[in-house]
Amino acid sequence: MGPRYVIILDFCIGALNIIRLTDEEIKESERYDDFEEYLLTLEDKYGFRLDNCQWMTTENLNVYWYDNGQEVSREQF
């Protein structure tokens, strides 16, 4: 099984996109030798452009929020 999450940092608009791939998307991604080639097929669906972004993949996702050096809950933002 391939990565479940794609995290995309769009530095042109200052956005963080977190995509949880469906089982079908994971299966489709395995047909590509280069995962970035597969990501190009998702640009319109998820509204990003790889030429404006950096990306990473992971099987599990943990999100930690910090303010002034302290971890805070998302409700505080």
N, C-alpha and C. Protein backbone atom coordinates (compact mmCIF):
# COMPACT_ATOMS: atom_id res chain seq x y z
N MET A 1 0.85 -1.19 0.00
CA MET A 1 0.00 0.00 0.00
C MET A 1 0.88 1.23 0.00
N GLY A 2 0.51 2.23 -0.79
CA GLY A 2 1.27 3.46 -0.88
C GLY A 2 0.91 4.44 0.21
N PRO A 3 1.42 5.64 0.12
CA PRO A 3 1.13 6.65 1.13
C PRO A 3 -0.35 7.01 1.15
N ARG A 4 -0.89 7.29 2.32
CA ARG A 4 -2.30 7.62 2.49
C ARG A 4 -2.54 9.14 2.38
N TYR A 5 -1.57 9.92 2.84
CA TYR A 5 -1.74 11.38 2.87
C TYR A 5 -0.71 12.07 1.97
N VAL A 6 -1.16 13.14 1.33
CA VAL A 6 -0.27 14.02 0.59
C VAL A 6 -0.41 15.39 1.24
N ILE A 7 0.71 15.97 1.62
CA ILE A 7 0.73 17.28 2.25
C ILE A 7 1.39 18.23 1.26
N ILE A 8 0.66 19.26 0.89
CA ILE A 8 1.13 20.18 -0.14
C ILE A 8 1.21 21.58 0.45
N LEU A 9 2.40 22.17 0.38
CA LEU A 9 2.62 23.54 0.83
C LEU A 9 2.65 24.44 -0.39
N ASP A 10 1.61 25.24 -0.53
CA ASP A 10 1.51 26.17 -1.66
C ASP A 10 2.08 27.51 -1.21
N PHE A 11 3.30 27.80 -1.63
CA PHE A 11 3.96 29.00 -1.15
C PHE A 11 3.54 30.25 -1.91
N CYS A 12 2.76 30.12 -2.97
CA CYS A 12 2.26 31.31 -3.68
C CYS A 12 1.07 31.95 -2.96
N ILE A 13 0.22 31.12 -2.37
CA ILE A 13 -0.95 31.66 -1.67
C ILE A 13 -0.90 31.42 -0.17
N GLY A 14 0.19 30.81 0.32
CA GLY A 14 0.34 30.57 1.75
C GLY A 14 -0.68 29.58 2.28
N ALA A 15 -0.83 28.46 1.59
CA ALA A 15 -1.83 27.46 2.00
C ALA A 15 -1.17 26.11 2.24
N LEU A 16 -1.73 25.38 3.18
CA LEU A 16 -1.33 24.01 3.45
C LEU A 16 -2.51 23.12 3.08
N ASN A 17 -2.31 22.25 2.10
CA ASN A 17 -3.35 21.33 1.66
C ASN A 17 -3.00 19.94 2.16
N ILE A 18 -3.93 19.32 2.86
CA ILE A 18 -3.75 17.95 3.33
C ILE A 18 -4.80 17.11 2.63
N ILE A 19 -4.32 16.16 1.85
CA ILE A 19 -5.21 15.31 1.06
C ILE A 19 -5.11 13.89 1.59
N ARG A 20 -6.24 13.33 1.97
CA ARG A 20 -6.30 11.91 2.34
C ARG A 20 -6.74 11.16 1.10
N LEU A 21 -5.82 10.40 0.53
CA LEU A 21 -6.11 9.69 -0.70
C LEU A 21 -7.11 8.57 -0.46
N THR A 22 -8.01 8.39 -1.42
CA THR A 22 -8.96 7.29 -1.36
C THR A 22 -8.23 5.99 -1.72
N ASP A 23 -8.86 4.87 -1.44
CA ASP A 23 -8.28 3.59 -1.82
C ASP A 23 -8.06 3.52 -3.33
N GLU A 24 -9.00 4.07 -4.10
CA GLU A 24 -8.87 4.08 -5.55
C GLU A 24 -7.69 4.94 -6.00
N GLU A 25 -7.50 6.09 -5.35
CA GLU A 25 -6.38 6.96 -5.70
C GLU A 25 -5.05 6.30 -5.37
N ILE A 26 -4.99 5.60 -4.26
CA ILE A 26 -3.76 4.90 -3.90
C ILE A 26 -3.45 3.82 -4.93
N LYS A 27 -4.46 3.08 -5.30
CA LYS A 27 -4.28 2.02 -6.30
C LYS A 27 -3.81 2.62 -7.63
N GLU A 28 -4.42 3.72 -8.04
CA GLU A 28 -4.02 4.39 -9.28
C GLU A 28 -2.59 4.90 -9.20
N SER A 29 -2.19 5.44 -8.06
CA SER A 29 -0.83 5.99 -7.92
C SER A 29 0.24 4.92 -8.09
N GLU A 30 -0.09 3.70 -7.75
CA GLU A 30 0.87 2.60 -7.86
C GLU A 30 1.19 2.23 -9.30
N ARG A 31 0.42 2.73 -10.24
CA ARG A 31 0.67 2.49 -11.67
C ARG A 31 1.76 3.41 -12.23
N TYR A 32 2.16 4.40 -11.44
CA TYR A 32 3.14 5.38 -11.89
C TYR A 32 4.51 5.06 -11.29
N ASP A 33 5.55 5.20 -12.10
CA ASP A 33 6.92 5.02 -11.60
C ASP A 33 7.33 6.18 -10.70
N ASP A 34 6.81 7.37 -11.01
CA ASP A 34 7.16 8.59 -10.28
C ASP A 34 5.88 9.15 -9.67
N PHE A 35 5.83 9.23 -8.33
CA PHE A 35 4.62 9.70 -7.65
C PHE A 35 4.26 11.13 -8.07
N GLU A 36 5.26 11.94 -8.37
CA GLU A 36 4.97 13.32 -8.78
C GLU A 36 4.19 13.34 -10.10
N GLU A 37 4.46 12.41 -10.99
CA GLU A 37 3.67 12.31 -12.22
C GLU A 37 2.21 12.04 -11.89
N TYR A 38 1.97 11.20 -10.90
CA TYR A 38 0.59 10.93 -10.47
C TYR A 38 -0.04 12.18 -9.87
N LEU A 39 0.71 12.91 -9.05
CA LEU A 39 0.17 14.13 -8.45
C LEU A 39 -0.29 15.13 -9.50
N LEU A 40 0.40 15.17 -10.63
CA LEU A 40 -0.01 16.08 -11.70
C LEU A 40 -1.44 15.78 -12.15
N THR A 41 -1.87 14.54 -12.05
CA THR A 41 -3.24 14.18 -12.45
C THR A 41 -4.27 14.65 -11.44
N LEU A 42 -3.85 15.02 -10.24
CA LEU A 42 -4.77 15.45 -9.18
C LEU A 42 -4.88 16.96 -9.05
N GLU A 43 -4.11 17.71 -9.83
CA GLU A 43 -4.09 19.17 -9.67
C GLU A 43 -5.47 19.80 -9.77
N ASP A 44 -6.21 19.48 -10.80
CA ASP A 44 -7.53 20.10 -10.98
C ASP A 44 -8.53 19.64 -9.92
N LYS A 45 -8.47 18.37 -9.57
CA LYS A 45 -9.41 17.83 -8.58
C LYS A 45 -9.26 18.52 -7.23
N TYR A 46 -8.01 18.78 -6.81
CA TYR A 46 -7.77 19.34 -5.48
C TYR A 46 -7.33 20.81 -5.50
N GLY A 47 -7.22 21.40 -6.68
CA GLY A 47 -6.98 22.83 -6.79
C GLY A 47 -5.59 23.31 -6.41
N PHE A 48 -4.57 22.61 -6.82
CA PHE A 48 -3.19 23.06 -6.59
C PHE A 48 -2.40 22.94 -7.89
N ARG A 49 -1.25 23.58 -7.94
CA ARG A 49 -0.33 23.49 -9.07
C ARG A 49 1.03 23.11 -8.51
N LEU A 50 1.55 21.98 -8.91
CA LEU A 50 2.83 21.51 -8.36
C LEU A 50 3.97 22.47 -8.61
N ASP A 51 3.90 23.25 -9.68
CA ASP A 51 5.00 24.18 -9.93
C ASP A 51 5.02 25.33 -8.93
N ASN A 52 3.99 25.45 -8.09
CA ASN A 52 3.93 26.47 -7.04
C ASN A 52 4.05 25.87 -5.65
N CYS A 53 4.39 24.59 -5.57
CA CYS A 53 4.27 23.89 -4.30
C CYS A 53 5.48 23.01 -4.00
N GLN A 54 5.55 22.62 -2.73
CA GLN A 54 6.39 21.52 -2.31
C GLN A 54 5.46 20.52 -1.65
N TRP A 55 5.82 19.24 -1.73
CA TRP A 55 4.92 18.23 -1.23
C TRP A 55 5.68 17.11 -0.54
N MET A 56 4.95 16.36 0.26
CA MET A 56 5.47 15.16 0.90
C MET A 56 4.32 14.19 1.08
N THR A 57 4.66 12.93 1.28
CA THR A 57 3.65 11.91 1.53
C THR A 57 3.96 11.22 2.84
N THR A 58 2.93 10.64 3.43
CA THR A 58 3.09 9.89 4.67
C THR A 58 1.95 8.89 4.80
N GLU A 59 2.21 7.79 5.50
CA GLU A 59 1.16 6.81 5.74
C GLU A 59 0.25 7.23 6.88
N ASN A 60 0.81 7.93 7.87
CA ASN A 60 0.04 8.41 9.02
C ASN A 60 0.21 9.92 9.11
N LEU A 61 -0.77 10.56 9.67
CA LEU A 61 -0.72 12.02 9.77
C LEU A 61 -0.90 12.45 11.21
N ASN A 62 0.03 13.23 11.70
CA ASN A 62 -0.06 13.87 13.01
C ASN A 62 0.10 15.37 12.80
N VAL A 63 -0.79 16.14 13.38
CA VAL A 63 -0.74 17.60 13.24
C VAL A 63 -0.56 18.20 14.62
N TYR A 64 0.43 19.05 14.75
CA TYR A 64 0.70 19.75 16.02
C TYR A 64 0.67 21.24 15.74
N TRP A 65 -0.03 21.99 16.55
CA TRP A 65 -0.14 23.44 16.42
C TRP A 65 0.63 24.10 17.56
N TYR A 66 1.36 25.16 17.25
CA TYR A 66 2.14 25.88 18.25
C TYR A 66 1.87 27.38 18.16
N ASP A 67 1.88 28.01 19.31
CA ASP A 67 1.79 29.47 19.40
C ASP A 67 2.74 29.90 20.50
N ASN A 68 3.67 30.76 20.16
CA ASN A 68 4.64 31.28 21.13
C ASN A 68 5.38 30.15 21.85
N GLY A 69 5.76 29.13 21.09
CA GLY A 69 6.55 28.04 21.65
C GLY A 69 5.77 27.01 22.43
N GLN A 70 4.45 27.14 22.49
CA GLN A 70 3.62 26.21 23.24
C GLN A 70 2.65 25.50 22.29
N GLU A 71 2.48 24.20 22.52
CA GLU A 71 1.48 23.47 21.74
C GLU A 71 0.10 23.89 22.21
N VAL A 72 -0.79 24.16 21.26
CA VAL A 72 -2.15 24.60 21.56
C VAL A 72 -3.13 23.76 20.76
N SER A 73 -4.37 23.77 21.19
CA SER A 73 -5.39 23.06 20.44
C SER A 73 -5.82 23.92 19.26
N ARG A 74 -6.39 23.27 18.24
CA ARG A 74 -6.83 23.99 17.05
C ARG A 74 -7.95 24.97 17.35
N GLU A 75 -8.72 24.72 18.38
CA GLU A 75 -9.83 25.60 18.72
C GLU A 75 -9.35 27.01 19.11
N GLN A 76 -8.08 27.13 19.49
CA GLN A 76 -7.56 28.43 19.91
C GLN A 76 -7.17 29.30 18.72
N PHE A 77 -7.18 28.76 17.51
CA PHE A 77 -6.81 29.55 16.33
C PHE A 77 -8.02 30.09 15.63
